[in-house]
Amino acid sequence: MIKNKPRQIGDILMQFLRNEGLETPLLEHRIVQAWPAVMGNSISKYTSEVYVKNSVLWVKLKSPALKQNLMMMHGDITRKLNAYVQSHVIADVHFL
């Protein structure tokens, strides 16, 4: 009988998701869901679409002035979102 070291269920699940190719879509979904939590209600109410494509978070905004301000902070926003999901999911944020 082979004895294995006990492992946490979260580690086992993440390994399964990685092996099945489901880890990236799950993390991308978490990034999209994290947008309102990270950016707050004042920015989220001006957001109409948020999606990830090719490691880039695309955000459609209703306010051109807000778009201009957020474009200057895109590096910080990228770091905050990746930190929120505790993984490097996106490389950049683009605003539409």
PDB file of N, CA and C in Angstrom:
ATOM      1  N   MET A   1       0.849  -1.168   0.000  1.00  0.00           N
ATOM      2  CA  MET A   1       0.000   0.000   0.000  1.00  0.00           C
ATOM      3  C   MET A   1       0.902   1.241   0.000  1.00  0.00           C
ATOM      4  N   ILE A   2       0.616   2.170  -0.890  1.00  0.00           N
ATOM      5  CA  ILE A   2       1.365   3.416  -0.978  1.00  0.00           C
ATOM      6  C   ILE A   2       0.627   4.482  -0.178  1.00  0.00           C
ATOM      7  N   LYS A   3       1.370   5.147   0.682  1.00  0.00           N
ATOM      8  CA  LYS A   3       0.764   6.226   1.472  1.00  0.00           C
ATOM      9  C   LYS A   3       1.112   7.561   0.825  1.00  0.00           C
ATOM     10  N   ASN A   4       0.107   8.346   0.551  1.00  0.00           N
ATOM     11  CA  ASN A   4       0.298   9.683   0.000  1.00  0.00           C
ATOM     12  C   ASN A   4       0.171  10.719   1.099  1.00  0.00           C
ATOM     13  N   LYS A   5       0.900  11.799   0.910  1.00  0.00           N
ATOM     14  CA  LYS A   5       0.759  12.900   1.853  1.00  0.00           C
ATOM     15  C   LYS A   5      -0.610  13.550   1.653  1.00  0.00           C
ATOM     16  N   PRO A   6      -1.259  13.948   2.735  1.00  0.00           N
ATOM     17  CA  PRO A   6      -2.558  14.610   2.586  1.00  0.00           C
ATOM     18  C   PRO A   6      -2.400  15.944   1.857  1.00  0.00           C
ATOM     19  N   ARG A   7      -3.372  16.246   1.002  1.00  0.00           N
ATOM     20  CA  ARG A   7      -3.360  17.497   0.246  1.00  0.00           C
ATOM     21  C   ARG A   7      -4.688  18.216   0.460  1.00  0.00           C
ATOM     22  N   GLN A   8      -4.623  19.524   0.320  1.00  0.00           N
ATOM     23  CA  GLN A   8      -5.845  20.306   0.477  1.00  0.00           C
ATOM     24  C   GLN A   8      -6.726  20.125  -0.752  1.00  0.00           C
ATOM     25  N   ILE A   9      -8.026  20.137  -0.521  1.00  0.00           N
ATOM     26  CA  ILE A   9      -8.982  19.923  -1.607  1.00  0.00           C
ATOM     27  C   ILE A   9      -8.870  21.015  -2.674  1.00  0.00           C
ATOM     28  N   GLY A  10      -8.572  22.235  -2.246  1.00  0.00           N
ATOM     29  CA  GLY A  10      -8.415  23.335  -3.206  1.00  0.00           C
ATOM     30  C   GLY A  10      -7.268  23.090  -4.166  1.00  0.00           C
ATOM     31  N   ASP A  11      -6.169  22.544  -3.668  1.00  0.00           N
ATOM     32  CA  ASP A  11      -5.029  22.223  -4.526  1.00  0.00           C
ATOM     33  C   ASP A  11      -5.370  21.118  -5.517  1.00  0.00           C
ATOM     34  N   ILE A  12      -6.119  20.132  -5.043  1.00  0.00           N
ATOM     35  CA  ILE A  12      -6.530  19.025  -5.912  1.00  0.00           C
ATOM     36  C   ILE A  12      -7.454  19.534  -7.013  1.00  0.00           C
ATOM     37  N   LEU A  13      -8.403  20.380  -6.646  1.00  0.00           N
ATOM     38  CA  LEU A  13      -9.332  20.919  -7.639  1.00  0.00           C
ATOM     39  C   LEU A  13      -8.617  21.782  -8.679  1.00  0.00           C
ATOM     40  N   MET A  14      -7.685  22.632  -8.232  1.00  0.00           N
ATOM     41  CA  MET A  14      -6.955  23.480  -9.181  1.00  0.00           C
ATOM     42  C   MET A  14      -6.103  22.635 -10.120  1.00  0.00           C
ATOM     43  N   GLN A  15      -5.511  21.563  -9.621  1.00  0.00           N
ATOM     44  CA  GLN A  15      -4.730  20.677 -10.482  1.00  0.00           C
ATOM     45  C   GLN A  15      -5.641  20.004 -11.512  1.00  0.00           C
ATOM     46  N   PHE A  16      -6.828  19.572 -11.086  1.00  0.00           N
ATOM     47  CA  PHE A  16      -7.786  18.970 -12.007  1.00  0.00           C
ATOM     48  C   PHE A  16      -8.191  19.972 -13.088  1.00  0.00           C
ATOM     49  N   LEU A  17      -8.532  21.203 -12.673  1.00  0.00           N
ATOM     50  CA  LEU A  17      -8.928  22.228 -13.645  1.00  0.00           C
ATOM     51  C   LEU A  17      -7.798  22.517 -14.630  1.00  0.00           C
ATOM     52  N   ARG A  18      -6.574  22.586 -14.139  1.00  0.00           N
ATOM     53  CA  ARG A  18      -5.413  22.840 -14.992  1.00  0.00           C
ATOM     54  C   ARG A  18      -5.237  21.695 -15.989  1.00  0.00           C
ATOM     55  N   ASN A  19      -5.357  20.457 -15.522  1.00  0.00           N
ATOM     56  CA  ASN A  19      -5.198  19.293 -16.395  1.00  0.00           C
ATOM     57  C   ASN A  19      -6.277  19.229 -17.467  1.00  0.00           C
ATOM     58  N   GLU A  20      -7.473  19.687 -17.148  1.00  0.00           N
ATOM     59  CA  GLU A  20      -8.595  19.645 -18.086  1.00  0.00           C
ATOM     60  C   GLU A  20      -8.686  20.899 -18.962  1.00  0.00           C
ATOM     61  N   GLY A  21      -7.783  21.854 -18.751  1.00  0.00           N
ATOM     62  CA  GLY A  21      -7.798  23.079 -19.553  1.00  0.00           C
ATOM     63  C   GLY A  21      -8.887  24.049 -19.144  1.00  0.00           C
ATOM     64  N   LEU A  22      -9.359  23.954 -17.916  1.00  0.00           N
ATOM     65  CA  LEU A  22     -10.451  24.804 -17.446  1.00  0.00           C
ATOM     66  C   LEU A  22      -9.986  25.909 -16.505  1.00  0.00           C
ATOM     67  N   GLU A  23      -8.729  25.907 -16.124  1.00  0.00           N
ATOM     68  CA  GLU A  23      -8.242  26.900 -15.169  1.00  0.00           C
ATOM     69  C   GLU A  23      -8.292  28.310 -15.752  1.00  0.00           C
ATOM     70  N   THR A  24      -7.820  28.486 -16.981  1.00  0.00           N
ATOM     71  CA  THR A  24      -7.793  29.822 -17.590  1.00  0.00           C
ATOM     72  C   THR A  24      -9.192  30.408 -17.759  1.00  0.00           C
ATOM     73  N   PRO A  25     -10.156  29.666 -18.317  1.00  0.00           N
ATOM     74  CA  PRO A  25     -11.507  30.243 -18.410  1.00  0.00           C
ATOM     75  C   PRO A  25     -12.107  30.608 -17.054  1.00  0.00           C
ATOM     76  N   LEU A  26     -11.831  29.795 -16.045  1.00  0.00           N
ATOM     77  CA  LEU A  26     -12.340  30.089 -14.702  1.00  0.00           C
ATOM     78  C   LEU A  26     -11.727  31.380 -14.171  1.00  0.00           C
ATOM     79  N   LEU A  27     -10.414  31.531 -14.314  1.00  0.00           N
ATOM     80  CA  LEU A  27      -9.743  32.737 -13.835  1.00  0.00           C
ATOM     81  C   LEU A  27     -10.184  33.969 -14.625  1.00  0.00           C
ATOM     82  N   GLU A  28     -10.410  33.828 -15.921  1.00  0.00           N
ATOM     83  CA  GLU A  28     -10.916  34.953 -16.721  1.00  0.00           C
ATOM     84  C   GLU A  28     -12.296  35.369 -16.240  1.00  0.00           C
ATOM     85  N   HIS A  29     -13.127  34.407 -15.922  1.00  0.00           N
ATOM     86  CA  HIS A  29     -14.465  34.714 -15.390  1.00  0.00           C
ATOM     87  C   HIS A  29     -14.348  35.440 -14.046  1.00  0.00           C
ATOM     88  N   ARG A  30     -13.411  35.013 -13.220  1.00  0.00           N
ATOM     89  CA  ARG A  30     -13.210  35.673 -11.922  1.00  0.00           C
ATOM     90  C   ARG A  30     -12.742  37.112 -12.103  1.00  0.00           C
ATOM     91  N   ILE A  31     -11.900  37.372 -13.097  1.00  0.00           N
ATOM     92  CA  ILE A  31     -11.438  38.740 -13.372  1.00  0.00           C
ATOM     93  C   ILE A  31     -12.623  39.615 -13.751  1.00  0.00           C
ATOM     94  N   VAL A  32     -13.487  39.116 -14.623  1.00  0.00           N
ATOM     95  CA  VAL A  32     -14.667  39.888 -15.044  1.00  0.00           C
ATOM     96  C   VAL A  32     -15.568  40.165 -13.846  1.00  0.00           C
ATOM     97  N   GLN A  33     -15.765  39.163 -12.999  1.00  0.00           N
ATOM     98  CA  GLN A  33     -16.593  39.336 -11.809  1.00  0.00           C
ATOM     99  C   GLN A  33     -15.940  40.268 -10.792  1.00  0.00           C
ATOM    100  N   ALA A  34     -14.616  40.369 -10.819  1.00  0.00           N
ATOM    101  CA  ALA A  34     -13.888  41.210  -9.872  1.00  0.00           C
ATOM    102  C   ALA A  34     -13.940  42.693 -10.233  1.00  0.00           C
ATOM    103  N   TRP A  35     -14.248  43.031 -11.480  1.00  0.00           N
ATOM    104  CA  TRP A  35     -14.246  44.427 -11.918  1.00  0.00           C
ATOM    105  C   TRP A  35     -15.039  45.341 -10.984  1.00  0.00           C
ATOM    106  N   PRO A  36     -16.312  45.054 -10.677  1.00  0.00           N
ATOM    107  CA  PRO A  36     -17.060  45.953  -9.782  1.00  0.00           C
ATOM    108  C   PRO A  36     -16.468  46.023  -8.372  1.00  0.00           C
ATOM    109  N   ALA A  37     -15.978  44.903  -7.867  1.00  0.00           N
ATOM    110  CA  ALA A  37     -15.430  44.888  -6.517  1.00  0.00           C
ATOM    111  C   ALA A  37     -14.143  45.701  -6.427  1.00  0.00           C
ATOM    112  N   VAL A  38     -13.304  45.609  -7.434  1.00  0.00           N
ATOM    113  CA  VAL A  38     -12.024  46.312  -7.419  1.00  0.00           C
ATOM    114  C   VAL A  38     -12.195  47.790  -7.743  1.00  0.00           C
ATOM    115  N   MET A  39     -13.047  48.094  -8.703  1.00  0.00           N
ATOM    116  CA  MET A  39     -13.185  49.474  -9.170  1.00  0.00           C
ATOM    117  C   MET A  39     -14.241  50.267  -8.403  1.00  0.00           C
ATOM    118  N   GLY A  40     -15.144  49.592  -7.748  1.00  0.00           N
ATOM    119  CA  GLY A  40     -16.168  50.282  -6.962  1.00  0.00           C
ATOM    120  C   GLY A  40     -17.400  50.631  -7.781  1.00  0.00           C
ATOM    121  N   ASN A  41     -18.457  51.000  -7.084  1.00  0.00           N
ATOM    122  CA  ASN A  41     -19.745  51.303  -7.729  1.00  0.00           C
ATOM    123  C   ASN A  41     -19.696  52.556  -8.580  1.00  0.00           C
ATOM    124  N   SER A  42     -18.909  53.544  -8.181  1.00  0.00           N
ATOM    125  CA  SER A  42     -18.878  54.804  -8.927  1.00  0.00           C
ATOM    126  C   SER A  42     -18.343  54.604 -10.345  1.00  0.00           C
ATOM    127  N   ILE A  43     -17.437  53.673 -10.545  1.00  0.00           N
ATOM    128  CA  ILE A  43     -16.925  53.395 -11.890  1.00  0.00           C
ATOM    129  C   ILE A  43     -17.773  52.321 -12.567  1.00  0.00           C
ATOM    130  N   SER A  44     -18.213  51.339 -11.814  1.00  0.00           N
ATOM    131  CA  SER A  44     -19.000  50.241 -12.385  1.00  0.00           C
ATOM    132  C   SER A  44     -20.304  50.714 -13.029  1.00  0.00           C
ATOM    133  N   LYS A  45     -20.885  51.779 -12.497  1.00  0.00           N
ATOM    134  CA  LYS A  45     -22.156  52.240 -13.076  1.00  0.00           C
ATOM    135  C   LYS A  45     -21.965  52.840 -14.470  1.00  0.00           C
ATOM    136  N   TYR A  46     -20.728  53.190 -14.830  1.00  0.00           N
ATOM    137  CA  TYR A  46     -20.431  53.701 -16.170  1.00  0.00           C
ATOM    138  C   TYR A  46     -19.882  52.617 -17.086  1.00  0.00           C
ATOM    139  N   THR A  47     -19.891  51.382 -16.635  1.00  0.00           N
ATOM    140  CA  THR A  47     -19.374  50.250 -17.400  1.00  0.00           C
ATOM    141  C   THR A  47     -20.538  49.499 -18.022  1.00  0.00           C
ATOM    142  N   SER A  48     -20.450  49.251 -19.339  1.00  0.00           N
ATOM    143  CA  SER A  48     -21.530  48.510 -19.982  1.00  0.00           C
ATOM    144  C   SER A  48     -21.126  47.088 -20.365  1.00  0.00           C
ATOM    145  N   GLU A  49     -19.849  46.847 -20.656  1.00  0.00           N
ATOM    146  CA  GLU A  49     -19.374  45.508 -21.008  1.00  0.00           C
ATOM    147  C   GLU A  49     -17.991  45.282 -20.424  1.00  0.00           C
ATOM    148  N   VAL A  50     -17.743  44.071 -19.965  1.00  0.00           N
ATOM    149  CA  VAL A  50     -16.423  43.678 -19.481  1.00  0.00           C
ATOM    150  C   VAL A  50     -16.192  42.245 -19.950  1.00  0.00           C
ATOM    151  N   TYR A  51     -15.089  42.001 -20.663  1.00  0.00           N
ATOM    152  CA  TYR A  51     -14.763  40.652 -21.096  1.00  0.00           C
ATOM    153  C   TYR A  51     -13.261  40.515 -21.296  1.00  0.00           C
ATOM    154  N   VAL A  52     -12.783  39.265 -21.321  1.00  0.00           N
ATOM    155  CA  VAL A  52     -11.366  38.971 -21.508  1.00  0.00           C
ATOM    156  C   VAL A  52     -11.196  38.292 -22.858  1.00  0.00           C
ATOM    157  N   LYS A  53     -10.197  38.765 -23.615  1.00  0.00           N
ATOM    158  CA  LYS A  53      -9.861  38.156 -24.897  1.00  0.00           C
ATOM    159  C   LYS A  53      -8.359  38.256 -25.075  1.00  0.00           C
ATOM    160  N   ASN A  54      -7.703  37.126 -25.273  1.00  0.00           N
ATOM    161  CA  ASN A  54      -6.255  37.066 -25.486  1.00  0.00           C
ATOM    162  C   ASN A  54      -5.471  37.735 -24.354  1.00  0.00           C
ATOM    163  N   SER A  55      -5.801  37.424 -23.141  1.00  0.00           N
ATOM    164  CA  SER A  55      -5.130  37.947 -21.937  1.00  0.00           C
ATOM    165  C   SER A  55      -5.255  39.457 -21.760  1.00  0.00           C
ATOM    166  N   VAL A  56      -6.244  40.048 -22.390  1.00  0.00           N
ATOM    167  CA  VAL A  56      -6.507  41.479 -22.251  1.00  0.00           C
ATOM    168  C   VAL A  56      -7.939  41.646 -21.763  1.00  0.00           C
ATOM    169  N   LEU A  57      -8.111  42.458 -20.727  1.00  0.00           N
ATOM    170  CA  LEU A  57      -9.450  42.781 -20.237  1.00  0.00           C
ATOM    171  C   LEU A  57      -9.962  43.971 -21.035  1.00  0.00           C
ATOM    172  N   TRP A  58     -11.075  43.802 -21.693  1.00  0.00           N
ATOM    173  CA  TRP A  58     -11.707  44.869 -22.478  1.00  0.00           C
ATOM    174  C   TRP A  58     -12.891  45.391 -21.687  1.00  0.00           C
ATOM    175  N   VAL A  59     -12.940  46.713 -21.521  1.00  0.00           N
ATOM    176  CA  VAL A  59     -13.999  47.353 -20.738  1.00  0.00           C
ATOM    177  C   VAL A  59     -14.618  48.460 -21.586  1.00  0.00           C
ATOM    178  N   LYS A  60     -15.924  48.363 -21.782  1.00  0.00           N
ATOM    179  CA  LYS A  60     -16.653  49.405 -22.524  1.00  0.00           C
ATOM    180  C   LYS A  60     -17.237  50.383 -21.516  1.00  0.00           C
ATOM    181  N   LEU A  61     -16.888  51.648 -21.682  1.00  0.00           N
ATOM    182  CA  LEU A  61     -17.324  52.683 -20.752  1.00  0.00           C
ATOM    183  C   LEU A  61     -18.290  53.648 -21.430  1.00  0.00           C
ATOM    184  N   LYS A  62     -19.196  54.207 -20.643  1.00  0.00           N
ATOM    185  CA  LYS A  62     -20.179  55.162 -21.151  1.00  0.00           C
ATOM    186  C   LYS A  62     -19.680  56.596 -21.099  1.00  0.00           C
ATOM    187  N   SER A  63     -18.596  56.848 -20.378  1.00  0.00           N
ATOM    188  CA  SER A  63     -18.103  58.206 -20.179  1.00  0.00           C
ATOM    189  C   SER A  63     -16.711  58.374 -20.800  1.00  0.00           C
ATOM    190  N   PRO A  64     -16.574  59.251 -21.801  1.00  0.00           N
ATOM    191  CA  PRO A  64     -15.256  59.491 -22.400  1.00  0.00           C
ATOM    192  C   PRO A  64     -14.242  60.061 -21.400  1.00  0.00           C
ATOM    193  N   ALA A  65     -14.698  60.900 -20.491  1.00  0.00           N
ATOM    194  CA  ALA A  65     -13.785  61.482 -19.500  1.00  0.00           C
ATOM    195  C   ALA A  65     -13.247  60.393 -18.562  1.00  0.00           C
ATOM    196  N   LEU A  66     -14.114  59.498 -18.140  1.00  0.00           N
ATOM    197  CA  LEU A  66     -13.695  58.394 -17.289  1.00  0.00           C
ATOM    198  C   LEU A  66     -12.736  57.481 -18.043  1.00  0.00           C
ATOM    199  N   LYS A  67     -13.024  57.245 -19.298  1.00  0.00           N
ATOM    200  CA  LYS A  67     -12.152  56.419 -20.137  1.00  0.00           C
ATOM    201  C   LYS A  67     -10.742  57.001 -20.176  1.00  0.00           C
ATOM    202  N   GLN A  68     -10.638  58.289 -20.365  1.00  0.00           N
ATOM    203  CA  GLN A  68      -9.339  58.963 -20.420  1.00  0.00           C
ATOM    204  C   GLN A  68      -8.586  58.817 -19.094  1.00  0.00           C
ATOM    205  N   ASN A  69      -9.283  59.002 -17.992  1.00  0.00           N
ATOM    206  CA  ASN A  69      -8.653  58.868 -16.672  1.00  0.00           C
ATOM    207  C   ASN A  69      -8.183  57.441 -16.406  1.00  0.00           C
ATOM    208  N   LEU A  70      -9.010  56.460 -16.751  1.00  0.00           N
ATOM    209  CA  LEU A  70      -8.651  55.073 -16.494  1.00  0.00           C
ATOM    210  C   LEU A  70      -7.535  54.591 -17.407  1.00  0.00           C
ATOM    211  N   MET A  71      -7.440  55.145 -18.606  1.00  0.00           N
ATOM    212  CA  MET A  71      -6.354  54.761 -19.518  1.00  0.00           C
ATOM    213  C   MET A  71      -4.993  55.088 -18.909  1.00  0.00           C
ATOM    214  N   MET A  72      -4.925  56.157 -18.143  1.00  0.00           N
ATOM    215  CA  MET A  72      -3.661  56.526 -17.512  1.00  0.00           C
ATOM    216  C   MET A  72      -3.306  55.596 -16.348  1.00  0.00           C
ATOM    217  N   MET A  73      -4.304  54.881 -15.839  1.00  0.00           N
ATOM    218  CA  MET A  73      -4.098  54.006 -14.682  1.00  0.00           C
ATOM    219  C   MET A  73      -4.141  52.525 -15.056  1.00  0.00           C
ATOM    220  N   HIS A  74      -4.074  52.198 -16.345  1.00  0.00           N
ATOM    221  CA  HIS A  74      -4.304  50.816 -16.769  1.00  0.00           C
ATOM    222  C   HIS A  74      -3.315  49.832 -16.147  1.00  0.00           C
ATOM    223  N   GLY A  75      -2.082  50.235 -15.915  1.00  0.00           N
ATOM    224  CA  GLY A  75      -1.106  49.348 -15.277  1.00  0.00           C
ATOM    225  C   GLY A  75      -1.482  49.005 -13.844  1.00  0.00           C
ATOM    226  N   ASP A  76      -1.913  50.017 -13.099  1.00  0.00           N
ATOM    227  CA  ASP A  76      -2.345  49.796 -11.711  1.00  0.00           C
ATOM    228  C   ASP A  76      -3.598  48.934 -11.651  1.00  0.00           C
ATOM    229  N   ILE A  77      -4.509  49.184 -12.573  1.00  0.00           N
ATOM    230  CA  ILE A  77      -5.754  48.404 -12.607  1.00  0.00           C
ATOM    231  C   ILE A  77      -5.452  46.943 -12.905  1.00  0.00           C
ATOM    232  N   THR A  78      -4.555  46.701 -13.840  1.00  0.00           N
ATOM    233  CA  THR A  78      -4.159  45.335 -14.178  1.00  0.00           C
ATOM    234  C   THR A  78      -3.580  44.622 -12.959  1.00  0.00           C
ATOM    235  N   ARG A  79      -2.682  45.286 -12.249  1.00  0.00           N
ATOM    236  CA  ARG A  79      -2.072  44.686 -11.055  1.00  0.00           C
ATOM    237  C   ARG A  79      -3.110  44.407  -9.973  1.00  0.00           C
ATOM    238  N   LYS A  80      -4.032  45.343  -9.755  1.00  0.00           N
ATOM    239  CA  LYS A  80      -5.051  45.159  -8.716  1.00  0.00           C
ATOM    240  C   LYS A  80      -5.977  43.988  -9.032  1.00  0.00           C
ATOM    241  N   LEU A  81      -6.395  43.878 -10.298  1.00  0.00           N
ATOM    242  CA  LEU A  81      -7.290  42.785 -10.680  1.00  0.00           C
ATOM    243  C   LEU A  81      -6.591  41.432 -10.555  1.00  0.00           C
ATOM    244  N   ASN A  82      -5.351  41.336 -11.026  1.00  0.00           N
ATOM    245  CA  ASN A  82      -4.600  40.086 -10.894  1.00  0.00           C
ATOM    246  C   ASN A  82      -4.387  39.733  -9.430  1.00  0.00           C
ATOM    247  N   ALA A  83      -4.106  40.728  -8.608  1.00  0.00           N
ATOM    248  CA  ALA A  83      -3.922  40.476  -7.181  1.00  0.00           C
ATOM    249  C   ALA A  83      -5.224  40.004  -6.538  1.00  0.00           C
ATOM    250  N   TYR A  84      -6.340  40.549  -6.980  1.00  0.00           N
ATOM    251  CA  TYR A  84      -7.642  40.186  -6.415  1.00  0.00           C
ATOM    252  C   TYR A  84      -7.943  38.702  -6.626  1.00  0.00           C
ATOM    253  N   VAL A  85      -7.604  38.184  -7.826  1.00  0.00           N
ATOM    254  CA  VAL A  85      -7.859  36.765  -8.105  1.00  0.00           C
ATOM    255  C   VAL A  85      -6.647  35.895  -7.779  1.00  0.00           C
ATOM    256  N   GLN A  86      -5.587  36.503  -7.285  1.00  0.00           N
ATOM    257  CA  GLN A  86      -4.371  35.821  -6.838  1.00  0.00           C
ATOM    258  C   GLN A  86      -3.729  34.971  -7.928  1.00  0.00           C
ATOM    259  N   SER A  87      -3.724  35.520  -9.155  1.00  0.00           N
ATOM    260  CA  SER A  87      -3.094  34.833 -10.276  1.00  0.00           C
ATOM    261  C   SER A  87      -2.849  35.843 -11.391  1.00  0.00           C
ATOM    262  N   HIS A  88      -1.848  35.582 -12.211  1.00  0.00           N
ATOM    263  CA  HIS A  88      -1.588  36.469 -13.351  1.00  0.00           C
ATOM    264  C   HIS A  88      -2.470  36.022 -14.513  1.00  0.00           C
ATOM    265  N   VAL A  89      -3.613  36.677 -14.678  1.00  0.00           N
ATOM    266  CA  VAL A  89      -4.593  36.299 -15.673  1.00  0.00           C
ATOM    267  C   VAL A  89      -4.548  37.221 -16.875  1.00  0.00           C
ATOM    268  N   ILE A  90      -4.477  38.516 -16.629  1.00  0.00           N
ATOM    269  CA  ILE A  90      -4.490  39.488 -17.721  1.00  0.00           C
ATOM    270  C   ILE A  90      -3.153  40.226 -17.778  1.00  0.00           C
ATOM    271  N   ALA A  91      -2.788  40.614 -18.997  1.00  0.00           N
ATOM    272  CA  ALA A  91      -1.546  41.355 -19.199  1.00  0.00           C
ATOM    273  C   ALA A  91      -1.816  42.850 -19.306  1.00  0.00           C
ATOM    274  N   ASP A  92      -3.040  43.224 -19.656  1.00  0.00           N
ATOM    275  CA  ASP A  92      -3.350  44.639 -19.842  1.00  0.00           C
ATOM    276  C   ASP A  92      -4.862  44.843 -19.780  1.00  0.00           C
ATOM    277  N   VAL A  93      -5.250  46.115 -19.689  1.00  0.00           N
ATOM    278  CA  VAL A  93      -6.651  46.514 -19.725  1.00  0.00           C
ATOM    279  C   VAL A  93      -6.798  47.536 -20.848  1.00  0.00           C
ATOM    280  N   HIS A  94      -7.787  47.323 -21.706  1.00  0.00           N
ATOM    281  CA  HIS A  94      -8.086  48.281 -22.775  1.00  0.00           C
ATOM    282  C   HIS A  94      -9.515  48.780 -22.584  1.00  0.00           C
ATOM    283  N   PHE A  95      -9.709  50.041 -22.904  1.00  0.00           N
ATOM    284  CA  PHE A  95     -11.031  50.656 -22.717  1.00  0.00           C
ATOM    285  C   PHE A  95     -11.627  51.023 -24.062  1.00  0.00           C
ATOM    286  N   LEU A  96     -12.904  50.745 -24.214  1.00  0.00           N
ATOM    287  CA  LEU A  96     -13.646  51.042 -25.449  1.00  0.00           C
ATOM    288  C   LEU A  96     -14.593  52.194 -25.223  1.00  0.00           C
TER     289      LEU A  96
END
